[in-house]
Amino acid sequence: MKKIIFTDKAPAPIGPYSQAVLSGNTLYASGQIALNPATGDLITENINDETQQVMQNIAAILEAANMTFENVVKATIFIMDMNNFAAINTVYGSFFNEKTAPARETVQVACLPKNVNVEISIIAVQ
């Protein structure tokens, strides 16, 4: 059985998908971009601020599912420019304990929704 997870502290879906789905004890969160859910503004001027907003959106979804970043077992990072990897990695890493960090891949892509620079999705387990 699946449970749809929704919070107004993360951007609302803009298509036929959910912010996240809880199936059993596993949470599958859709990719998050740097939309500020309070204002609807897109944060893209600075890669650090952009990544911070993405991670805050993920944090809100985790919280709505009664989880934290400690529950994350897998992350996927999509980036427009691999030259931004170090900056993205620094912000991303600040949300995890390095000794228990999740598995992850980082992929450079040709284009992301709304022409953002970074999108991150996660899988977490209770």
Protein backbone atom coordinates (compact mmCIF):
# COMPACT_ATOMS: atom_id res chain seq x y z
CA MET A 1 0.00 0.00 0.00
CA LYS A 2 1.25 3.50 -0.73
CA LYS A 3 0.73 6.77 1.09
CA ILE A 4 1.13 10.13 -0.66
CA ILE A 5 3.30 12.56 1.28
CA PHE A 6 2.57 16.26 0.86
CA THR A 7 3.71 19.36 2.71
CA ASP A 8 3.20 23.03 1.96
CA LYS A 9 6.78 23.55 3.22
CA ALA A 10 8.08 22.21 -0.11
CA PRO A 11 7.07 23.18 -3.65
CA ALA A 12 3.74 21.75 -4.79
CA PRO A 13 3.92 19.35 -7.73
CA ILE A 14 3.36 21.03 -11.09
CA GLY A 15 2.34 17.90 -12.93
CA PRO A 16 0.99 14.38 -12.45
CA TYR A 17 3.36 13.36 -9.65
CA SER A 18 3.60 13.55 -5.86
CA GLN A 19 6.22 15.23 -3.71
CA ALA A 20 6.87 11.79 -2.27
CA VAL A 21 5.33 8.36 -1.89
CA LEU A 22 5.72 6.19 1.19
CA SER A 23 5.48 2.50 0.35
CA GLY A 24 5.87 0.29 3.39
CA ASN A 25 8.77 1.85 5.23
CA THR A 26 10.44 3.32 2.13
CA LEU A 27 10.03 6.92 1.02
CA TYR A 28 10.56 7.83 -2.63
CA ALA A 29 10.85 11.60 -3.01
CA SER A 30 10.51 13.32 -6.37
CA GLY A 31 13.37 15.48 -7.59
CA GLN A 32 13.48 18.85 -5.88
CA ILE A 33 14.58 22.11 -7.44
CA ALA A 34 15.22 25.46 -5.77
CA LEU A 35 11.67 26.77 -5.65
CA ASN A 36 10.96 28.65 -2.45
CA PRO A 37 7.59 27.23 -1.37
CA ALA A 38 6.63 30.36 0.59
CA THR A 39 7.17 32.81 -2.27
CA GLY A 40 7.17 30.67 -5.40
CA ASP A 41 10.50 32.30 -6.34
CA LEU A 42 13.15 30.27 -8.11
CA ILE A 43 16.60 30.58 -6.50
CA THR A 44 19.26 30.34 -9.26
CA GLU A 45 21.55 33.35 -8.83
CA ASN A 46 24.08 31.49 -6.66
CA ILE A 47 24.76 27.73 -6.77
CA ASN A 48 25.25 27.57 -2.98
CA ASP A 49 21.90 29.25 -2.27
CA GLU A 50 20.23 27.17 -4.96
CA THR A 51 21.51 23.90 -3.49
CA GLN A 52 20.59 25.06 0.03
CA GLN A 53 16.97 25.63 -1.08
CA VAL A 54 16.85 22.20 -2.75
CA MET A 55 18.07 20.56 0.47
CA GLN A 56 15.58 22.55 2.57
CA ASN A 57 12.78 21.33 0.30
CA ILE A 58 13.98 17.75 0.79
CA ALA A 59 14.16 18.32 4.56
CA ALA A 60 10.53 19.47 4.57
CA ILE A 61 9.41 16.35 2.71
CA LEU A 62 11.39 14.11 5.06
CA GLU A 63 9.83 15.86 8.03
CA ALA A 64 6.34 15.37 6.57
CA ALA A 65 7.12 11.64 6.45
CA ASN A 66 8.49 11.70 10.03
CA MET A 67 12.04 11.15 8.81
CA THR A 68 15.36 13.02 8.74
CA PHE A 69 18.44 12.99 6.54
CA GLU A 70 19.66 10.06 8.66
CA ASN A 71 16.93 7.97 6.98
CA VAL A 72 18.18 8.72 3.46
CA VAL A 73 19.77 5.65 1.85
CA LYS A 74 20.11 6.89 -1.75
CA ALA A 75 20.37 10.25 -3.46
CA THR A 76 20.58 11.25 -7.10
CA ILE A 77 21.96 14.64 -8.06
CA PHE A 78 21.38 16.04 -11.52
CA ILE A 79 23.49 19.07 -12.43
CA MET A 80 23.73 21.27 -15.49
CA ASP A 81 27.46 21.94 -15.17
CA MET A 82 29.94 19.54 -13.57
CA ASN A 83 32.07 22.58 -12.74
CA ASN A 84 29.51 23.29 -9.98
CA PHE A 85 30.07 19.85 -8.42
CA ALA A 86 32.37 21.02 -5.59
CA ALA A 87 30.02 23.78 -4.45
CA ILE A 88 26.94 21.54 -4.66
CA ASN A 89 28.78 18.75 -2.84
CA THR A 90 29.77 21.09 0.01
CA VAL A 91 26.20 22.24 0.64
CA TYR A 92 24.77 18.73 0.14
CA GLY A 93 27.37 17.25 2.49
CA SER A 94 26.47 19.69 5.27
CA PHE A 95 23.11 17.89 5.64
CA PHE A 96 24.65 14.46 6.26
CA ASN A 97 26.96 12.75 8.69
CA GLU A 98 29.84 11.69 6.47
CA LYS A 99 30.14 8.32 8.25
CA THR A 100 26.49 7.43 7.52
CA ALA A 101 25.95 9.33 4.26
CA PRO A 102 23.71 7.65 1.66
CA ALA A 103 24.75 6.04 -1.59
CA ARG A 104 24.69 8.59 -4.40
CA GLU A 105 25.35 9.37 -8.02
CA THR A 106 25.84 12.74 -9.64
CA VAL A 107 24.99 13.14 -13.31
CA GLN A 108 25.50 16.09 -15.63
CA VAL A 109 22.43 16.61 -17.80
CA ALA A 110 21.56 18.75 -20.82
CA CYS A 111 18.58 20.53 -19.25
CA LEU A 112 16.55 20.56 -16.04
CA PRO A 113 13.04 21.85 -15.27
CA LYS A 114 12.80 25.65 -15.33
CA ASN A 115 16.47 25.72 -16.44
CA VAL A 116 17.72 25.23 -12.88
CA ASN A 117 21.30 24.24 -12.14
CA VAL A 118 20.62 21.36 -9.75
CA GLU A 119 17.88 18.85 -8.95
CA ILE A 120 18.10 16.21 -6.21
CA SER A 121 15.91 13.20 -5.47
CA ILE A 122 16.18 10.82 -2.53
CA ILE A 123 15.05 7.45 -1.21
CA ALA A 124 14.74 7.08 2.56
CA VAL A 125 13.88 4.18 4.85
CA GLN A 126 12.29 4.29 8.31
